[in-house]
N, C-alpha and C. Protein backbone atom coordinates (compact mmCIF):
# COMPACT_ATOMS: atom_id res chain seq x y z
N UNK A 1 17.37 37.20 44.44
CA UNK A 1 18.44 36.38 44.95
C UNK A 1 18.58 36.59 46.45
N UNK A 2 18.89 35.54 47.14
CA UNK A 2 19.05 35.61 48.58
C UNK A 2 20.44 36.04 49.00
N UNK A 3 21.42 35.79 48.17
CA UNK A 3 22.79 36.10 48.54
C UNK A 3 23.21 37.41 47.92
N UNK A 4 23.77 38.23 48.75
CA UNK A 4 24.24 39.52 48.30
C UNK A 4 25.70 39.42 47.88
N UNK A 5 26.05 40.09 46.82
CA UNK A 5 27.42 40.09 46.34
C UNK A 5 28.30 40.84 47.34
N UNK A 6 29.42 40.26 47.69
CA UNK A 6 30.30 40.87 48.66
C UNK A 6 31.00 42.08 48.03
N UNK A 7 30.93 43.21 48.72
CA UNK A 7 31.52 44.42 48.21
C UNK A 7 33.04 44.37 48.36
N UNK A 8 33.73 44.92 47.36
CA UNK A 8 35.18 45.01 47.43
C UNK A 8 35.56 46.21 48.28
N UNK A 9 36.69 46.14 48.98
CA UNK A 9 37.14 47.28 49.77
C UNK A 9 37.37 48.50 48.88
N UNK A 10 37.04 49.65 49.41
CA UNK A 10 37.21 50.91 48.69
C UNK A 10 38.54 51.51 49.12
N UNK A 11 39.32 51.96 48.15
CA UNK A 11 40.61 52.53 48.50
C UNK A 11 40.49 54.03 48.69
N UNK A 12 41.42 54.57 49.47
CA UNK A 12 41.51 56.01 49.67
C UNK A 12 42.98 56.37 49.73
N UNK A 13 43.30 57.64 49.57
CA UNK A 13 44.68 58.11 49.57
C UNK A 13 45.22 58.08 51.00
N UNK A 14 45.96 57.04 51.33
CA UNK A 14 46.47 56.87 52.69
C UNK A 14 47.64 57.80 53.01
N UNK A 15 48.24 58.40 52.00
CA UNK A 15 49.40 59.25 52.24
C UNK A 15 49.01 60.59 52.86
N UNK A 16 47.89 61.15 52.45
CA UNK A 16 47.53 62.47 52.94
C UNK A 16 46.31 62.50 53.82
N UNK A 17 45.72 61.34 54.14
CA UNK A 17 44.48 61.32 54.93
C UNK A 17 44.57 60.28 56.04
N UNK A 18 43.89 60.59 57.14
CA UNK A 18 43.83 59.65 58.25
C UNK A 18 42.37 59.35 58.57
N UNK A 19 42.05 58.12 58.97
CA UNK A 19 40.66 57.79 59.32
C UNK A 19 40.28 58.41 60.66
N UNK A 20 39.10 59.05 60.69
CA UNK A 20 38.64 59.76 61.89
C UNK A 20 37.17 59.44 62.14
N UNK A 21 36.82 59.34 63.41
CA UNK A 21 35.43 59.17 63.82
C UNK A 21 35.01 60.45 64.53
N UNK A 22 34.14 61.24 63.91
CA UNK A 22 33.62 62.47 64.52
C UNK A 22 32.45 62.10 65.42
N UNK A 23 32.52 62.53 66.67
CA UNK A 23 31.46 62.23 67.63
C UNK A 23 30.92 63.54 68.18
N UNK A 24 29.61 63.72 68.11
CA UNK A 24 28.96 64.92 68.64
C UNK A 24 28.84 64.81 70.15
N UNK A 25 29.26 65.86 70.85
CA UNK A 25 29.16 65.87 72.30
C UNK A 25 27.69 65.94 72.74
N UNK A 26 26.90 66.71 72.03
CA UNK A 26 25.50 66.93 72.42
C UNK A 26 24.60 65.73 72.13
N UNK A 27 24.65 65.23 70.90
CA UNK A 27 23.70 64.20 70.48
C UNK A 27 24.30 62.80 70.47
N UNK A 28 25.61 62.69 70.45
CA UNK A 28 26.25 61.39 70.39
C UNK A 28 26.32 60.82 68.99
N UNK A 29 25.91 61.61 67.99
CA UNK A 29 25.96 61.16 66.60
C UNK A 29 27.41 60.93 66.17
N UNK A 30 27.64 59.83 65.45
CA UNK A 30 28.98 59.48 65.00
C UNK A 30 29.02 59.43 63.48
N UNK A 31 30.07 60.03 62.91
CA UNK A 31 30.28 60.03 61.48
C UNK A 31 31.73 59.62 61.23
N UNK A 32 31.92 58.60 60.41
CA UNK A 32 33.26 58.13 60.07
C UNK A 32 33.66 58.72 58.73
N UNK A 33 34.93 59.05 58.62
CA UNK A 33 35.44 59.60 57.38
C UNK A 33 36.94 59.75 57.43
N UNK A 34 37.45 60.65 56.61
CA UNK A 34 38.89 60.84 56.51
C UNK A 34 39.23 62.31 56.62
N UNK A 35 40.31 62.61 57.33
CA UNK A 35 40.75 63.98 57.54
C UNK A 35 42.06 64.19 56.78
N UNK A 36 42.10 65.27 56.01
CA UNK A 36 43.30 65.64 55.27
C UNK A 36 44.30 66.21 56.27
N UNK A 37 45.50 65.65 56.33
CA UNK A 37 46.48 66.09 57.31
C UNK A 37 47.03 67.48 57.00
N UNK A 38 47.06 67.87 55.74
CA UNK A 38 47.60 69.17 55.36
C UNK A 38 46.61 70.31 55.65
N UNK A 39 45.37 70.14 55.22
CA UNK A 39 44.40 71.23 55.35
C UNK A 39 43.50 71.09 56.58
N UNK A 40 43.40 69.89 57.15
CA UNK A 40 42.52 69.66 58.30
C UNK A 40 41.07 69.47 57.91
N UNK A 41 40.80 69.39 56.61
CA UNK A 41 39.42 69.23 56.11
C UNK A 41 38.95 67.79 56.33
N UNK A 42 37.73 67.64 56.86
CA UNK A 42 37.13 66.33 57.11
C UNK A 42 36.19 65.97 55.97
N UNK A 43 36.34 64.75 55.47
CA UNK A 43 35.48 64.23 54.39
C UNK A 43 34.67 63.07 54.97
N UNK A 44 33.37 63.29 55.18
CA UNK A 44 32.56 62.23 55.79
C UNK A 44 32.20 61.16 54.77
N UNK A 45 32.16 59.92 55.23
CA UNK A 45 31.87 58.79 54.36
C UNK A 45 30.69 57.96 54.83
N UNK A 46 30.48 57.85 56.16
CA UNK A 46 29.44 56.94 56.63
C UNK A 46 28.92 57.36 58.01
N UNK A 47 27.60 57.35 58.16
CA UNK A 47 26.98 57.59 59.45
C UNK A 47 27.04 56.29 60.25
N UNK A 48 27.51 56.38 61.48
CA UNK A 48 27.66 55.20 62.33
C UNK A 48 26.54 55.20 63.36
N UNK A 49 25.60 54.27 63.22
CA UNK A 49 24.47 54.17 64.13
C UNK A 49 24.69 53.13 65.22
N UNK A 50 25.50 52.11 64.90
CA UNK A 50 25.74 51.04 65.87
C UNK A 50 27.09 50.40 65.57
N UNK A 51 27.43 49.39 66.35
CA UNK A 51 28.72 48.71 66.21
C UNK A 51 28.85 48.01 64.85
N UNK A 52 27.74 47.52 64.33
CA UNK A 52 27.75 46.85 63.02
C UNK A 52 28.17 47.83 61.92
N UNK A 53 27.66 49.07 61.98
CA UNK A 53 28.05 50.09 61.00
C UNK A 53 29.54 50.41 61.10
N UNK A 54 30.05 50.48 62.32
CA UNK A 54 31.47 50.77 62.52
C UNK A 54 32.33 49.66 61.93
N UNK A 55 31.95 48.42 62.19
CA UNK A 55 32.70 47.29 61.64
C UNK A 55 32.64 47.27 60.12
N UNK A 56 31.50 47.65 59.56
CA UNK A 56 31.35 47.72 58.10
C UNK A 56 32.28 48.79 57.52
N UNK A 57 32.37 49.95 58.16
CA UNK A 57 33.28 51.01 57.71
C UNK A 57 34.73 50.52 57.75
N UNK A 58 35.11 49.88 58.85
CA UNK A 58 36.47 49.37 58.99
C UNK A 58 36.79 48.34 57.91
N UNK A 59 35.83 47.46 57.62
CA UNK A 59 36.03 46.43 56.60
C UNK A 59 36.06 47.04 55.20
N UNK A 60 35.14 47.93 54.93
CA UNK A 60 35.00 48.49 53.60
C UNK A 60 36.22 49.31 53.19
N UNK A 61 36.79 50.07 54.12
CA UNK A 61 37.93 50.92 53.80
C UNK A 61 39.27 50.33 54.26
N UNK A 62 39.23 49.09 54.75
CA UNK A 62 40.43 48.39 55.20
C UNK A 62 41.21 49.21 56.23
N UNK A 63 40.49 49.63 57.26
CA UNK A 63 41.08 50.41 58.34
C UNK A 63 41.10 49.55 59.59
N UNK A 64 42.20 49.59 60.33
CA UNK A 64 42.27 48.87 61.60
C UNK A 64 41.67 49.75 62.68
N UNK A 65 41.03 49.12 63.65
CA UNK A 65 40.33 49.87 64.69
C UNK A 65 41.27 50.78 65.48
N UNK A 66 42.52 50.35 65.67
CA UNK A 66 43.47 51.17 66.43
C UNK A 66 43.96 52.38 65.62
N UNK A 67 43.76 52.39 64.31
CA UNK A 67 44.13 53.53 63.47
C UNK A 67 43.07 54.63 63.51
N UNK A 68 41.85 54.29 63.87
CA UNK A 68 40.72 55.22 63.85
C UNK A 68 40.81 56.16 65.04
N UNK A 69 40.93 57.47 64.75
CA UNK A 69 40.99 58.48 65.81
C UNK A 69 39.59 59.04 66.07
N UNK A 70 39.32 59.39 67.32
CA UNK A 70 38.05 60.02 67.66
C UNK A 70 38.28 61.50 67.86
N UNK A 71 37.37 62.29 67.32
CA UNK A 71 37.40 63.75 67.51
C UNK A 71 36.02 64.20 67.94
N UNK A 72 35.99 65.14 68.91
CA UNK A 72 34.74 65.66 69.41
C UNK A 72 34.53 67.06 68.94
């Protein structure tokens, strides 16, 4: 088939987690995921190689770009 089935957004616990983009200072590698506000533990979900990957993460998890925090 030529048409791919559109994926439904994935839910996450918004009460105890915030969306975070981890960026490596040395290599520039970016990993998007969620950080637990109580424990500070980061749960990675997606490797971000380009802007398309970032937009896919935002769409898939229904996160607004202004909500996404960057951490180095």
